[in-house]
Amino acid sequence: MKRIVFLLPLLACAGCISTAATIVKAPFQVAGKAVDWTTTSQEEADRNYGRKMRKAEAREGKERREYDKRCRRNPKKCTGYDGYVARD
């Protein structure tokens, strides 16, 4: 009986300990989220670079097709392609 009386306050206090742990961890979790929002992961950077390069290559392809079309219409005015070139 004495053991039960001794264990009851410990069981009642288990919720308090859990709440205290949550309160202590909260500032660190918030700081971690802020860092995640402000930094770019390598995967995200690679994805953004790939998107940028695909757009640049599409632009170059479009301009080269227009250049080729103009050259077929008037070959005398054709010189080397001096339009947009997709690069890093």
Protein backbone atom coordinates (compact mmCIF):
# COMPACT_ATOMS: atom_id res chain seq x y z
CA MET A 1 0.00 0.00 0.00
CA LYS A 2 2.86 2.37 0.81
CA ARG A 3 4.34 1.72 -2.63
CA ILE A 4 1.12 2.71 -4.36
CA VAL A 5 0.92 5.94 -2.39
CA PHE A 6 4.56 6.65 -3.27
CA LEU A 7 4.08 5.95 -7.03
CA LEU A 8 0.90 8.01 -7.50
CA PRO A 9 2.63 11.43 -7.37
CA LEU A 10 5.26 10.19 -9.83
CA LEU A 11 2.57 9.07 -12.30
CA ALA A 12 0.74 12.37 -11.96
CA CYS A 13 3.96 14.27 -12.56
CA ALA A 14 4.78 12.39 -15.80
CA GLY A 15 2.61 14.81 -17.80
CA CYS A 16 4.41 17.76 -16.24
CA ILE A 17 7.78 16.36 -17.26
CA SER A 18 6.58 15.85 -20.83
CA THR A 19 5.27 19.41 -21.02
CA ALA A 20 8.49 20.80 -19.57
CA ALA A 21 10.53 18.88 -22.15
CA THR A 22 8.37 20.28 -24.95
CA ILE A 23 8.81 23.83 -23.66
CA VAL A 24 12.58 23.42 -23.43
CA LYS A 25 12.85 22.01 -26.98
CA ALA A 26 10.58 24.61 -28.63
CA PRO A 27 13.16 27.41 -29.15
CA PHE A 28 15.61 24.99 -30.76
CA GLN A 29 12.94 23.63 -33.09
CA VAL A 30 11.92 27.15 -34.12
CA ALA A 31 15.55 28.07 -34.79
CA GLY A 32 15.98 24.92 -36.88
CA LYS A 33 12.93 25.77 -38.99
CA ALA A 34 14.22 29.31 -39.54
CA VAL A 35 17.55 27.94 -40.78
CA ASP A 36 15.73 25.52 -43.10
CA TRP A 37 13.68 28.36 -44.59
CA THR A 38 16.66 30.65 -45.15
CA THR A 39 19.09 28.14 -46.66
CA THR A 40 18.94 26.26 -49.93
CA SER A 41 19.62 22.55 -49.91
CA GLN A 42 21.92 21.04 -52.52
CA GLU A 43 18.99 19.19 -54.08
CA GLU A 44 17.02 22.40 -54.40
CA ALA A 45 20.00 24.24 -55.86
CA ASP A 46 20.51 21.47 -58.43
CA ARG A 47 16.84 21.55 -59.36
CA ASN A 48 16.89 25.33 -59.80
CA TYR A 49 20.08 25.17 -61.89
CA GLY A 50 18.57 22.48 -64.11
CA ARG A 51 15.44 24.57 -64.64
CA LYS A 52 17.54 27.62 -65.50
CA MET A 53 19.66 25.66 -68.01
CA ARG A 54 16.60 24.08 -69.69
CA LYS A 55 15.12 27.55 -70.20
CA ALA A 56 18.41 28.85 -71.59
CA GLU A 57 18.74 25.88 -73.96
CA ALA A 58 15.15 26.33 -75.13
CA ARG A 59 15.86 30.00 -75.85
CA GLU A 60 19.02 29.13 -77.77
CA GLY A 61 17.20 26.45 -79.76
CA LYS A 62 14.43 28.86 -80.70
CA GLU A 63 16.89 31.54 -81.81
CA ARG A 64 18.97 29.04 -83.81
CA ARG A 65 15.85 27.76 -85.60
CA GLU A 66 14.90 31.34 -86.51
CA TYR A 67 18.48 31.96 -87.69
CA ASP A 68 18.41 28.82 -89.84
CA LYS A 69 15.08 29.87 -91.33
CA ARG A 70 16.46 33.31 -92.24
CA CYS A 71 19.55 31.67 -93.77
CA ARG A 72 17.46 29.40 -95.95
CA ARG A 73 15.48 32.40 -97.21
CA ASN A 74 18.50 34.61 -97.88
CA PRO A 75 21.82 32.70 -97.82
CA LYS A 76 23.85 35.74 -98.90
CA LYS A 77 23.13 37.59 -95.67
CA CYS A 78 24.10 34.60 -93.50
CA THR A 79 27.23 34.86 -91.48
CA GLY A 80 28.17 32.86 -88.41
CA TYR A 81 25.55 32.52 -85.71
CA ASP A 82 26.04 35.34 -83.24
CA GLY A 83 22.88 34.94 -81.20
CA TYR A 84 22.25 33.71 -77.69
CA VAL A 85 24.29 30.72 -76.51
CA ALA A 86 23.22 28.83 -73.40
CA ARG A 87 26.10 28.72 -70.95
CA ASP A 88 26.61 28.59 -67.24
